[in-house]
């Protein structure tokens, strides 16, 4: 390892400060740092193994081993690789890209049962290696990335420190029960340990594909309890993506009232199909509850609503709305 890099061994860097820095081979600029490839090395902190270097349009990216770096600073990164063409490739399929996989991703704060976002990542140079040591949830780092320095300073004066050691962070893809490329990549605790109400909050924050993958890995009891807590819109989408017999099993675990609440938000044909696979002993009670539920909906329905034709423009509707709504007692939807 070059002595220039040796002198940097005790430095620390925020990821956002080094992404985009120029990468130089000898004295020639070959691109800009686009990302860092990291590897869990069995110790407390992941180690950086490769640089992922972006190049100008039309040129393939470069993947350069950490051992090829001769200097590393906030100004520039110098490497010694000889022919650049030998490093023109994409990262391996199983490579963990720090910026792509972690930065701006949601993290479950188990202590406060809340969702935080990783706004920056702190790296530390030790013994010629670069390690991931902390994640930063503070808005200060977000505003600095946006070059809003005054706002960052203002927030720093009032915001509590929100830095968490990587030792409390668990990559989701390393949990043996999960499969596939889940974009919610880091959690402080396995999802199976969360109460259903908190797990429902997490699932609602995910995109649909992530939600289905995670939900599919839960035990029947945990999935049933969690499904009750998810809001109706997400319930409908989630159930539509699950096997009908699996949904029936989850509803069988619930009380008739709980099962009826979930079935009531589904389209009638879908609900009827699911009920055909449910246990007969609960079905009569569920159907009775649903019957009275639909009766109550009819009693609450109204024909007195404000609407505009499909060919109306938004601008015209905005102009007409104050006049059209003037004599209405209450307008809840537009």
Protein backbone atom coordinates (compact mmCIF):
# COMPACT_ATOMS: atom_id res chain seq x y z
CA UNK A 1 0.00 0.00 0.00
CA UNK A 2 1.26 3.42 -0.99
CA UNK A 3 2.60 5.64 1.83
CA UNK A 4 0.30 8.49 0.76
CA UNK A 5 -2.72 6.35 1.64
CA UNK A 6 -0.98 5.24 4.83
CA UNK A 7 -1.07 8.83 6.05
CA UNK A 8 -4.84 8.90 5.68
CA UNK A 9 -5.49 5.99 8.01
CA UNK A 10 -7.06 8.01 10.82
CA UNK A 11 -9.30 10.22 8.68
CA UNK A 12 -13.09 10.08 8.61
CA UNK A 13 -15.33 10.86 5.64
CA UNK A 14 -19.05 11.29 5.11
CA UNK A 15 -20.16 9.34 2.06
CA UNK A 16 -21.97 12.35 0.56
CA UNK A 17 -18.72 14.36 0.72
CA UNK A 18 -16.75 11.88 -1.39
CA UNK A 19 -19.39 10.75 -3.90
CA UNK A 20 -18.76 12.66 -7.11
CA UNK A 21 -15.07 13.29 -6.38
CA UNK A 22 -12.78 12.86 -9.37
CA UNK A 23 -10.81 9.64 -9.73
CA UNK A 24 -7.35 9.96 -11.27
CA UNK A 25 -5.17 7.24 -12.77
CA UNK A 26 -1.66 8.59 -12.49
CA UNK A 27 -2.29 12.16 -13.63
CA UNK A 28 -5.26 11.52 -15.91
CA UNK A 29 -8.85 11.86 -14.73
CA UNK A 30 -10.78 8.68 -15.54
CA UNK A 31 -14.15 9.45 -13.94
CA UNK A 32 -15.99 10.31 -10.74
CA UNK A 33 -16.70 8.17 -7.69
CA UNK A 34 -20.27 6.90 -8.07
CA UNK A 35 -20.41 4.41 -5.21
CA UNK A 36 -18.46 2.14 -2.88
CA UNK A 37 -18.72 -1.64 -2.78
CA UNK A 38 -18.66 -2.99 0.79
CA UNK A 39 -18.34 -6.42 2.32
CA UNK A 40 -19.34 -7.79 5.72
CA UNK A 41 -16.00 -9.13 6.93
CA UNK A 42 -17.07 -10.96 10.08
CA UNK A 43 -16.06 -8.03 12.28
CA UNK A 44 -18.09 -5.13 13.61
CA UNK A 45 -17.88 -2.92 10.55
CA UNK A 46 -18.13 -3.60 6.80
CA UNK A 47 -15.00 -2.85 4.78
CA UNK A 48 -14.82 -1.11 1.40
CA UNK A 49 -13.54 -3.53 -1.24
CA UNK A 50 -14.00 -1.66 -4.54
CA UNK A 51 -14.61 1.77 -6.01
CA UNK A 52 -17.47 2.09 -8.48
CA UNK A 53 -16.43 4.85 -10.88
CA UNK A 54 -18.86 6.58 -13.20
CA UNK A 55 -17.65 7.93 -16.53
CA UNK A 56 -18.97 10.29 -19.19
CA UNK A 57 -21.85 9.22 -21.44
CA UNK A 58 -20.97 6.34 -23.75
CA UNK A 59 -18.20 4.92 -21.57
CA UNK A 60 -18.80 1.91 -19.31
CA UNK A 61 -18.29 2.29 -15.54
CA UNK A 62 -15.16 1.05 -13.78
CA UNK A 63 -14.90 -1.29 -10.80
CA UNK A 64 -11.51 -0.87 -9.12
CA UNK A 65 -10.14 -2.91 -6.21
CA UNK A 66 -9.35 -0.99 -3.03
CA UNK A 67 -5.74 -2.23 -3.21
CA UNK A 68 -5.21 -0.17 -6.37
CA UNK A 69 -5.78 3.15 -4.56
CA UNK A 70 -2.70 5.27 -3.88
CA UNK A 71 -4.38 8.30 -2.26
CA UNK A 72 -7.82 9.06 -0.92
CA UNK A 73 -9.04 12.53 0.03
CA UNK A 74 -12.03 14.86 -0.20
CA UNK A 75 -10.41 16.52 -3.21
CA UNK A 76 -9.63 13.49 -5.35
CA UNK A 77 -8.92 9.77 -5.35
CA UNK A 78 -5.79 8.49 -7.08
CA UNK A 79 -5.41 4.94 -8.37
CA UNK A 80 -2.73 2.99 -10.19
CA UNK A 81 -4.41 0.56 -12.60
CA UNK A 82 -2.53 0.72 -15.89
CA UNK A 83 -4.99 0.08 -18.76
CA UNK A 84 -8.42 1.47 -17.79
CA UNK A 85 -10.18 -0.92 -20.18
CA UNK A 86 -9.27 -3.86 -17.93
CA UNK A 87 -11.56 -2.43 -15.22
CA UNK A 88 -14.54 -1.50 -17.40
CA UNK A 89 -17.41 -3.60 -16.02
CA UNK A 90 -20.44 -3.57 -13.74
CA UNK A 91 -20.29 -4.68 -10.09
CA UNK A 92 -20.88 -8.35 -9.36
CA UNK A 93 -24.51 -9.40 -8.89
CA UNK A 94 -23.97 -9.97 -5.16
CA UNK A 95 -22.04 -6.72 -4.59
CA UNK A 96 -23.42 -4.41 -1.89
CA UNK A 97 -23.33 -0.82 -3.14
CA UNK A 98 -23.25 1.52 -0.15
CA UNK A 99 -24.90 4.57 -1.73
CA UNK A 100 -27.40 2.61 -3.80
CA UNK A 101 -28.42 0.12 -1.10
CA UNK A 102 -28.30 2.23 2.07
CA UNK A 103 -28.29 6.00 1.49
CA UNK A 104 -31.80 7.53 1.62
CA UNK A 105 -33.31 4.18 2.60
CA UNK A 106 -35.70 3.77 5.51
CA UNK A 107 -34.56 2.24 8.79
CA UNK A 108 -36.72 1.02 11.61
CA UNK A 109 -35.93 2.74 14.89
CA UNK A 110 -36.86 -0.09 17.25
CA UNK A 111 -36.43 1.96 20.42
CA UNK A 112 -38.88 4.66 19.32
CA UNK A 113 -40.97 2.53 16.97
CA UNK A 114 -40.47 5.04 14.21
CA UNK A 115 -39.17 5.20 10.67
CA UNK A 116 -35.95 7.11 10.05
CA UNK A 117 -34.10 7.75 6.81
CA UNK A 118 -30.35 7.36 6.32
CA UNK A 119 -29.25 10.81 5.16
CA UNK A 120 -25.52 10.09 5.31
CA UNK A 121 -22.94 7.45 6.21
CA UNK A 122 -19.70 7.96 8.12
CA UNK A 123 -16.61 6.07 7.00
CA UNK A 124 -13.33 5.70 8.87
CA UNK A 125 -9.83 5.00 7.53
CA UNK A 126 -7.98 2.53 9.75
CA UNK A 127 -4.81 0.58 8.90
CA UNK A 128 -5.13 1.40 5.20
CA UNK A 129 -8.70 0.13 5.04
CA UNK A 130 -11.91 2.14 4.81
CA UNK A 131 -14.74 0.97 7.09
CA UNK A 132 -18.40 1.88 7.40
CA UNK A 133 -18.82 2.93 11.04
CA UNK A 134 -22.01 5.01 11.47
CA UNK A 135 -25.24 6.00 9.78
CA UNK A 136 -26.61 9.52 10.22
CA UNK A 137 -30.34 10.27 10.39
CA UNK A 138 -30.01 14.02 10.96
CA UNK A 139 -31.64 16.57 8.65
CA UNK A 140 -28.42 18.56 8.95
CA UNK A 141 -26.65 16.06 6.68
CA UNK A 142 -29.54 16.14 4.21
CA UNK A 143 -29.41 19.94 3.95
CA UNK A 144 -25.63 19.86 3.53
CA UNK A 145 -26.04 17.45 0.64
CA UNK A 146 -28.51 19.91 -0.87
CA UNK A 147 -25.95 22.72 -0.38
CA UNK A 148 -28.34 24.55 1.97
CA UNK A 149 -25.57 25.48 4.38
CA UNK A 150 -27.48 28.13 6.34
CA UNK A 151 -30.41 25.78 6.89
CA UNK A 152 -28.02 22.96 7.86
CA UNK A 153 -26.38 25.20 10.48
CA UNK A 154 -29.76 26.32 11.82
CA UNK A 155 -30.96 22.72 12.16
CA UNK A 156 -27.67 21.67 13.78
CA UNK A 157 -28.27 24.19 16.57
CA UNK A 158 -31.61 22.65 17.56
CA UNK A 159 -31.54 19.04 16.32
CA UNK A 160 -30.35 16.26 18.60
CA UNK A 161 -27.52 14.07 17.38
CA UNK A 162 -28.93 11.17 15.35
CA UNK A 163 -25.85 9.09 14.59
CA UNK A 164 -26.10 5.32 15.07
CA UNK A 165 -23.22 2.85 14.98
CA UNK A 166 -23.30 0.30 12.19
CA UNK A 167 -23.11 -2.40 14.87
CA UNK A 168 -26.83 -1.76 15.43
CA UNK A 169 -27.63 -2.02 11.74
CA UNK A 170 -28.51 -5.34 10.15
CA UNK A 171 -28.58 -5.67 6.35
CA UNK A 172 -31.93 -7.13 5.40
CA UNK A 173 -30.48 -9.35 2.70
CA UNK A 174 -28.43 -11.14 5.38
CA UNK A 175 -31.55 -12.29 7.24
CA UNK A 176 -31.86 -15.92 6.28
CA UNK A 177 -35.66 -15.82 6.02
CA UNK A 178 -35.67 -13.17 3.28
CA UNK A 179 -35.09 -13.69 -0.40
CA UNK A 180 -34.79 -11.31 -3.32
CA UNK A 181 -33.52 -7.78 -3.71
CA UNK A 182 -35.42 -5.86 -1.03
CA UNK A 183 -34.80 -2.13 -1.21
CA UNK A 184 -35.53 -1.56 2.49
CA UNK A 185 -32.04 -2.73 3.26
CA UNK A 186 -31.27 -2.04 6.90
CA UNK A 187 -33.08 -2.77 10.12
CA UNK A 188 -32.02 -2.63 13.75
CA UNK A 189 -34.04 -5.73 14.57
CA UNK A 190 -35.55 -8.68 12.74
CA UNK A 191 -39.06 -7.93 11.59
CA UNK A 192 -40.44 -11.07 13.23
CA UNK A 193 -39.71 -9.55 16.67
CA UNK A 194 -41.91 -6.48 16.12
CA UNK A 195 -45.45 -6.12 17.50
CA UNK A 196 -48.07 -6.37 14.72
CA UNK A 197 -49.04 -2.70 14.96
CA UNK A 198 -45.42 -1.59 14.41
CA UNK A 199 -44.84 -4.16 11.68
CA UNK A 200 -47.95 -2.87 9.90
CA UNK A 201 -46.46 0.65 9.95
CA UNK A 202 -43.25 -0.69 8.38
CA UNK A 203 -45.12 -2.60 5.66
CA UNK A 204 -47.15 0.50 4.78
CA UNK A 205 -43.88 2.41 4.19
CA UNK A 206 -42.61 -0.18 1.68
CA UNK A 207 -43.44 -0.32 -2.00
CA UNK A 208 -45.83 -3.09 -3.06
CA UNK A 209 -43.27 -5.67 -4.17
CA UNK A 210 -41.25 -5.26 -0.97
CA UNK A 211 -44.41 -5.55 1.12
CA UNK A 212 -45.50 -8.81 -0.49
CA UNK A 213 -42.05 -10.38 -0.11
CA UNK A 214 -41.77 -9.46 3.55
CA UNK A 215 -45.35 -10.41 4.41
CA UNK A 216 -44.93 -13.78 2.70
CA UNK A 217 -42.12 -14.65 5.14
CA UNK A 218 -44.17 -14.10 8.32
CA UNK A 219 -45.64 -16.94 10.35
CA UNK A 220 -49.37 -17.52 9.96
CA UNK A 221 -50.18 -16.03 13.37
CA UNK A 222 -47.94 -12.97 12.91
CA UNK A 223 -49.27 -12.42 9.37
CA UNK A 224 -52.87 -12.65 10.57
CA UNK A 225 -52.33 -10.22 13.45
CA UNK A 226 -50.44 -7.80 11.20
CA UNK A 227 -53.04 -7.90 8.42
CA UNK A 228 -55.64 -6.59 10.89
CA UNK A 229 -53.49 -3.51 11.59
CA UNK A 230 -52.77 -2.53 7.97
CA UNK A 231 -54.88 0.26 6.52
CA UNK A 232 -57.70 -0.85 4.15
CA UNK A 233 -56.10 0.46 0.95
CA UNK A 234 -52.91 -1.51 1.58
CA UNK A 235 -54.96 -4.52 2.72
CA UNK A 236 -56.75 -4.67 -0.62
CA UNK A 237 -53.53 -4.47 -2.63
CA UNK A 238 -51.74 -6.99 -0.43
CA UNK A 239 -54.57 -9.55 -0.45
CA UNK A 240 -54.87 -9.25 -4.23
CA UNK A 241 -51.23 -10.38 -4.52
CA UNK A 242 -51.56 -13.36 -2.15
CA UNK A 243 -52.88 -16.84 -2.83
CA UNK A 244 -56.62 -17.02 -2.01
CA UNK A 245 -56.20 -20.12 0.14
CA UNK A 246 -53.47 -18.42 2.16
CA UNK A 247 -55.72 -15.41 2.76
CA UNK A 248 -58.50 -17.77 3.87
CA UNK A 249 -56.16 -19.40 6.40
CA UNK A 250 -55.20 -15.99 7.81
CA UNK A 251 -58.86 -14.99 8.16
CA UNK A 252 -59.69 -18.29 9.87
CA UNK A 253 -57.28 -17.37 12.67
CA UNK A 254 -59.17 -14.11 13.30
CA UNK A 255 -62.45 -13.58 15.10
CA UNK A 256 -65.52 -13.37 12.79
CA UNK A 257 -65.70 -9.62 13.36
CA UNK A 258 -62.06 -9.07 12.41
CA UNK A 259 -62.37 -11.27 9.32
CA UNK A 260 -65.55 -9.45 8.27
CA UNK A 261 -63.80 -6.07 8.58
CA UNK A 262 -61.11 -7.20 6.12
CA UNK A 263 -63.53 -8.89 3.70
CA UNK A 264 -65.69 -5.77 3.66
CA UNK A 265 -62.95 -3.71 1.99
CA UNK A 266 -62.54 -6.22 -0.85
CA UNK A 267 -64.52 -6.33 -4.11
CA UNK A 268 -67.53 -8.64 -3.63
CA UNK A 269 -66.38 -11.31 -6.15
CA UNK A 270 -62.94 -11.49 -4.51
CA UNK A 271 -64.44 -11.72 -1.01
CA UNK A 272 -66.83 -14.48 -2.09
CA UNK A 273 -63.99 -16.49 -3.64
CA UNK A 274 -61.95 -16.28 -0.45
CA UNK A 275 -64.92 -17.26 1.73
CA UNK A 276 -65.33 -20.50 -0.24
CA UNK A 277 -61.96 -21.63 1.17
CA UNK A 278 -62.69 -20.59 4.77
CA UNK A 279 -63.70 -22.81 7.67
CA UNK A 280 -67.46 -23.43 7.65
CA UNK A 281 -67.94 -22.94 11.40
CA UNK A 282 -67.08 -19.20 11.17
CA UNK A 283 -68.60 -18.48 7.78
CA UNK A 284 -72.25 -18.01 8.83
CA UNK A 285 -71.30 -15.46 11.50
CA UNK A 286 -69.01 -13.62 9.09
CA UNK A 287 -71.71 -13.47 6.41
CA UNK A 288 -74.24 -12.16 8.93
CA UNK A 289 -71.84 -9.39 9.99
CA UNK A 290 -71.13 -8.51 6.36
CA UNK A 291 -74.87 -8.38 5.58
CA UNK A 292 -75.50 -5.84 8.33
CA UNK A 293 -72.32 -3.98 7.36
CA UNK A 294 -73.61 -3.49 3.80
CA UNK A 295 -76.98 -2.39 5.18
CA UNK A 296 -75.25 0.33 7.23
CA UNK A 297 -73.33 1.50 4.18
CA UNK A 298 -76.62 1.91 2.26
CA UNK A 299 -78.05 3.94 5.11
CA UNK A 300 -75.05 6.27 5.06
CA UNK A 301 -74.90 6.70 1.27
CA UNK A 302 -76.14 9.88 -0.40
CA UNK A 303 -76.94 11.11 -3.87
CA UNK A 304 -76.12 14.68 -2.89
CA UNK A 305 -72.59 15.15 -4.13
CA UNK A 306 -70.68 17.63 -6.25
CA UNK A 307 -69.22 16.31 -9.50
CA UNK A 308 -67.82 17.57 -12.79
CA UNK A 309 -67.98 15.80 -16.17
CA UNK A 310 -64.93 13.82 -17.39
CA UNK A 311 -64.21 16.30 -20.19
CA UNK A 312 -64.10 19.27 -17.80
CA UNK A 313 -60.68 20.88 -17.39
CA UNK A 314 -59.07 21.28 -13.97
CA UNK A 315 -58.84 25.05 -14.51
CA UNK A 316 -62.58 25.34 -15.28
CA UNK A 317 -63.45 23.16 -12.25
CA UNK A 318 -61.33 25.38 -10.00
CA UNK A 319 -63.09 28.46 -11.34
CA UNK A 320 -66.60 26.99 -10.90
CA UNK A 321 -66.02 25.33 -7.53
CA UNK A 322 -66.55 28.36 -5.20
CA UNK A 323 -69.91 29.10 -6.85
CA UNK A 324 -71.05 25.46 -7.05
CA UNK A 325 -70.11 24.68 -3.43
CA UNK A 326 -71.52 27.89 -1.94
CA UNK A 327 -74.87 26.38 -0.87
CA UNK A 328 -73.52 22.98 0.24
CA UNK A 329 -73.41 22.15 3.96
CA UNK A 330 -70.22 20.12 3.66
CA UNK A 331 -67.93 19.10 0.79
CA UNK A 332 -65.56 16.27 1.73
CA UNK A 333 -64.20 15.21 -1.67
CA UNK A 334 -63.39 16.93 -4.93
